[in-house]
């Protein structure tokens, strides 16, 4: 009986929860960056929310990137790295913040292409 328990306990845990955890962490990190820089237009319950922006993504929804196309996701990196926001105003995202958005986009695109959404 002990051998069976020891063998069962020695098996490595499934990899899928780790992947889901990574997806959640990268999404949350990017979401915080985007909330600070894009939230004015992309958070549905803000009075400043813009309907056209919400049609692309709404940071107030749990699965906010789901409606985004691959191109729109890639555009997040370009926009995050830009010194100006979409209204032409200066934005000051750090290299670390741009990296958080980039890692999220890369992970999201890889997940989509592998079909493990």
C-alpha atoms as a PDB file:
ATOM      1  CA  UNK A   1       0.000   0.000   0.000  1.00  0.00           C
ATOM      2  CA  UNK A   2       2.818   2.421   0.878  1.00  0.00           C
ATOM      3  CA  UNK A   3       4.513   1.780  -2.467  1.00  0.00           C
ATOM      4  CA  UNK A   4       1.351   2.740  -4.337  1.00  0.00           C
ATOM      5  CA  UNK A   5       0.985   5.968  -2.348  1.00  0.00           C
ATOM      6  CA  UNK A   6       4.651   6.857  -2.771  1.00  0.00           C
ATOM      7  CA  UNK A   7       4.448   6.244  -6.511  1.00  0.00           C
ATOM      8  CA  UNK A   8       1.270   8.286  -6.841  1.00  0.00           C
ATOM      9  CA  UNK A   9       2.762  11.183  -4.870  1.00  0.00           C
ATOM     10  CA  UNK A  10       6.023  11.159  -6.798  1.00  0.00           C
ATOM     11  CA  UNK A  11       4.367  11.911 -10.130  1.00  0.00           C
ATOM     12  CA  UNK A  12       4.828  15.465 -11.285  1.00  0.00           C
ATOM     13  CA  UNK A  13       1.726  17.659 -11.208  1.00  0.00           C
ATOM     14  CA  UNK A  14      -0.031  18.483 -14.480  1.00  0.00           C
ATOM     15  CA  UNK A  15       1.479  21.366 -16.462  1.00  0.00           C
ATOM     16  CA  UNK A  16      -1.801  23.022 -17.436  1.00  0.00           C
ATOM     17  CA  UNK A  17      -2.402  24.848 -14.102  1.00  0.00           C
ATOM     18  CA  UNK A  18       1.063  26.406 -14.339  1.00  0.00           C
ATOM     19  CA  UNK A  19       0.282  27.630 -17.864  1.00  0.00           C
ATOM     20  CA  UNK A  20      -3.066  29.021 -16.721  1.00  0.00           C
ATOM     21  CA  UNK A  21      -1.366  30.711 -13.776  1.00  0.00           C
ATOM     22  CA  UNK A  22       1.221  32.294 -16.094  1.00  0.00           C
ATOM     23  CA  UNK A  23      -1.541  33.494 -18.417  1.00  0.00           C
ATOM     24  CA  UNK A  24      -3.389  35.057 -15.499  1.00  0.00           C
ATOM     25  CA  UNK A  25      -0.252  36.721 -14.097  1.00  0.00           C
ATOM     26  CA  UNK A  26       0.794  38.196 -17.453  1.00  0.00           C
ATOM     27  CA  UNK A  27      -2.766  39.381 -18.135  1.00  0.00           C
ATOM     28  CA  UNK A  28      -3.026  41.012 -14.711  1.00  0.00           C
ATOM     29  CA  UNK A  29       0.366  42.720 -15.037  1.00  0.00           C
ATOM     30  CA  UNK A  30      -0.496  44.076 -18.477  1.00  0.00           C
ATOM     31  CA  UNK A  31      -3.971  45.034 -17.287  1.00  0.00           C
ATOM     32  CA  UNK A  32      -2.517  47.217 -14.534  1.00  0.00           C
ATOM     33  CA  UNK A  33      -0.246  48.977 -17.038  1.00  0.00           C
ATOM     34  CA  UNK A  34      -3.105  49.473 -19.483  1.00  0.00           C
ATOM     35  CA  UNK A  35      -5.452  50.608 -16.730  1.00  0.00           C
ATOM     36  CA  UNK A  36      -3.048  53.423 -15.866  1.00  0.00           C
ATOM     37  CA  UNK A  37      -2.396  54.445 -19.456  1.00  0.00           C
ATOM     38  CA  UNK A  38      -5.612  53.502 -21.310  1.00  0.00           C
ATOM     39  CA  UNK A  39      -8.225  53.144 -18.595  1.00  0.00           C
ATOM     40  CA  UNK A  40      -9.785  56.520 -19.158  1.00  0.00           C
ATOM     41  CA  UNK A  41     -11.263  55.234 -22.434  1.00  0.00           C
ATOM     42  CA  UNK A  42     -11.118  51.445 -21.929  1.00  0.00           C
ATOM     43  CA  UNK A  43     -12.872  50.943 -18.576  1.00  0.00           C
ATOM     44  CA  UNK A  44     -16.571  50.613 -19.204  1.00  0.00           C
ATOM     45  CA  UNK A  45     -17.837  52.032 -15.936  1.00  0.00           C
ATOM     46  CA  UNK A  46     -15.731  55.200 -16.124  1.00  0.00           C
ATOM     47  CA  UNK A  47     -17.686  58.270 -17.215  1.00  0.00           C
ATOM     48  CA  UNK A  48     -14.853  58.988 -19.679  1.00  0.00           C
ATOM     49  CA  UNK A  49     -15.195  55.597 -21.410  1.00  0.00           C
ATOM     50  CA  UNK A  50     -15.341  55.786 -25.195  1.00  0.00           C
ATOM     51  CA  UNK A  51     -17.731  53.377 -26.945  1.00  0.00           C
ATOM     52  CA  UNK A  52     -15.346  52.800 -29.872  1.00  0.00           C
ATOM     53  CA  UNK A  53     -12.521  52.001 -27.437  1.00  0.00           C
ATOM     54  CA  UNK A  54     -14.747  49.657 -25.438  1.00  0.00           C
ATOM     55  CA  UNK A  55     -15.623  47.823 -28.649  1.00  0.00           C
ATOM     56  CA  UNK A  56     -11.944  46.824 -28.864  1.00  0.00           C
ATOM     57  CA  UNK A  57     -11.441  45.970 -25.188  1.00  0.00           C
ATOM     58  CA  UNK A  58     -12.951  46.806 -21.837  1.00  0.00           C
ATOM     59  CA  UNK A  59     -10.538  46.397 -18.933  1.00  0.00           C
ATOM     60  CA  UNK A  60     -13.453  46.060 -16.531  1.00  0.00           C
ATOM     61  CA  UNK A  61     -14.332  42.634 -17.952  1.00  0.00           C
ATOM     62  CA  UNK A  62     -12.432  39.552 -16.735  1.00  0.00           C
ATOM     63  CA  UNK A  63     -11.564  38.263 -20.213  1.00  0.00           C
ATOM     64  CA  UNK A  64     -10.912  41.687 -21.715  1.00  0.00           C
ATOM     65  CA  UNK A  65      -8.616  40.554 -24.576  1.00  0.00           C
ATOM     66  CA  UNK A  66     -11.043  37.930 -25.920  1.00  0.00           C
ATOM     67  CA  UNK A  67     -12.630  40.217 -28.558  1.00  0.00           C
ATOM     68  CA  UNK A  68      -9.291  41.603 -29.701  1.00  0.00           C
ATOM     69  CA  UNK A  69      -7.854  40.450 -32.990  1.00  0.00           C
ATOM     70  CA  UNK A  70      -4.227  39.355 -33.184  1.00  0.00           C
ATOM     71  CA  UNK A  71      -3.413  42.637 -34.907  1.00  0.00           C
ATOM     72  CA  UNK A  72      -5.084  44.656 -32.157  1.00  0.00           C
ATOM     73  CA  UNK A  73      -3.091  42.724 -29.569  1.00  0.00           C
ATOM     74  CA  UNK A  74       0.170  43.463 -31.420  1.00  0.00           C
ATOM     75  CA  UNK A  75      -0.843  47.122 -31.593  1.00  0.00           C
ATOM     76  CA  UNK A  76      -0.848  47.200 -27.782  1.00  0.00           C
ATOM     77  CA  UNK A  77       2.940  46.816 -27.867  1.00  0.00           C
ATOM     78  CA  UNK A  78       3.362  49.630 -30.383  1.00  0.00           C
ATOM     79  CA  UNK A  79       1.050  51.906 -28.438  1.00  0.00           C
ATOM     80  CA  UNK A  80       2.683  51.101 -25.102  1.00  0.00           C
ATOM     81  CA  UNK A  81       6.127  51.886 -26.531  1.00  0.00           C
ATOM     82  CA  UNK A  82       4.990  55.150 -28.122  1.00  0.00           C
ATOM     83  CA  UNK A  83       5.875  58.408 -26.364  1.00  0.00           C
ATOM     84  CA  UNK A  84       2.362  59.694 -27.210  1.00  0.00           C
ATOM     85  CA  UNK A  85      -1.046  58.265 -26.414  1.00  0.00           C
ATOM     86  CA  UNK A  86      -3.819  57.958 -29.012  1.00  0.00           C
ATOM     87  CA  UNK A  87      -4.850  61.581 -28.373  1.00  0.00           C
ATOM     88  CA  UNK A  88      -1.339  62.866 -29.008  1.00  0.00           C
ATOM     89  CA  UNK A  89      -0.629  63.481 -25.318  1.00  0.00           C
ATOM     90  CA  UNK A  90       2.682  62.412 -23.768  1.00  0.00           C
ATOM     91  CA  UNK A  91       2.621  59.081 -21.992  1.00  0.00           C
ATOM     92  CA  UNK A  92       5.382  57.912 -19.742  1.00  0.00           C
ATOM     93  CA  UNK A  93       5.444  54.135 -19.628  1.00  0.00           C
ATOM     94  CA  UNK A  94       8.633  52.654 -18.268  1.00  0.00           C
ATOM     95  CA  UNK A  95      10.601  50.022 -20.152  1.00  0.00           C
ATOM     96  CA  UNK A  96       9.400  47.537 -17.520  1.00  0.00           C
ATOM     97  CA  UNK A  97       5.765  48.441 -18.252  1.00  0.00           C
ATOM     98  CA  UNK A  98       6.282  48.057 -21.994  1.00  0.00           C
ATOM     99  CA  UNK A  99       7.893  44.685 -21.265  1.00  0.00           C
ATOM    100  CA  UNK A 100       4.865  43.610 -19.203  1.00  0.00           C
ATOM    101  CA  UNK A 101       2.553  44.437 -22.109  1.00  0.00           C
ATOM    102  CA  UNK A 102       4.888  42.716 -24.582  1.00  0.00           C
ATOM    103  CA  UNK A 103       5.082  39.529 -22.497  1.00  0.00           C
ATOM    104  CA  UNK A 104       1.299  39.450 -22.174  1.00  0.00           C
ATOM    105  CA  UNK A 105       0.755  39.915 -25.923  1.00  0.00           C
ATOM    106  CA  UNK A 106       3.335  37.277 -26.821  1.00  0.00           C
ATOM    107  CA  UNK A 107       1.816  34.816 -24.356  1.00  0.00           C
ATOM    108  CA  UNK A 108      -1.754  35.531 -25.512  1.00  0.00           C
ATOM    109  CA  UNK A 109      -0.816  35.099 -29.179  1.00  0.00           C
ATOM    110  CA  UNK A 110       1.069  31.865 -28.448  1.00  0.00           C
ATOM    111  CA  UNK A 111      -1.909  30.551 -26.503  1.00  0.00           C
ATOM    112  CA  UNK A 112      -4.256  31.396 -29.358  1.00  0.00           C
ATOM    113  CA  UNK A 113      -2.060  29.753 -31.959  1.00  0.00           C
ATOM    114  CA  UNK A 114      -1.724  26.583 -29.891  1.00  0.00           C
ATOM    115  CA  UNK A 115      -5.495  26.452 -29.400  1.00  0.00           C
ATOM    116  CA  UNK A 116      -5.175  26.133 -25.614  1.00  0.00           C
ATOM    117  CA  UNK A 117      -7.416  29.017 -24.693  1.00  0.00           C
END
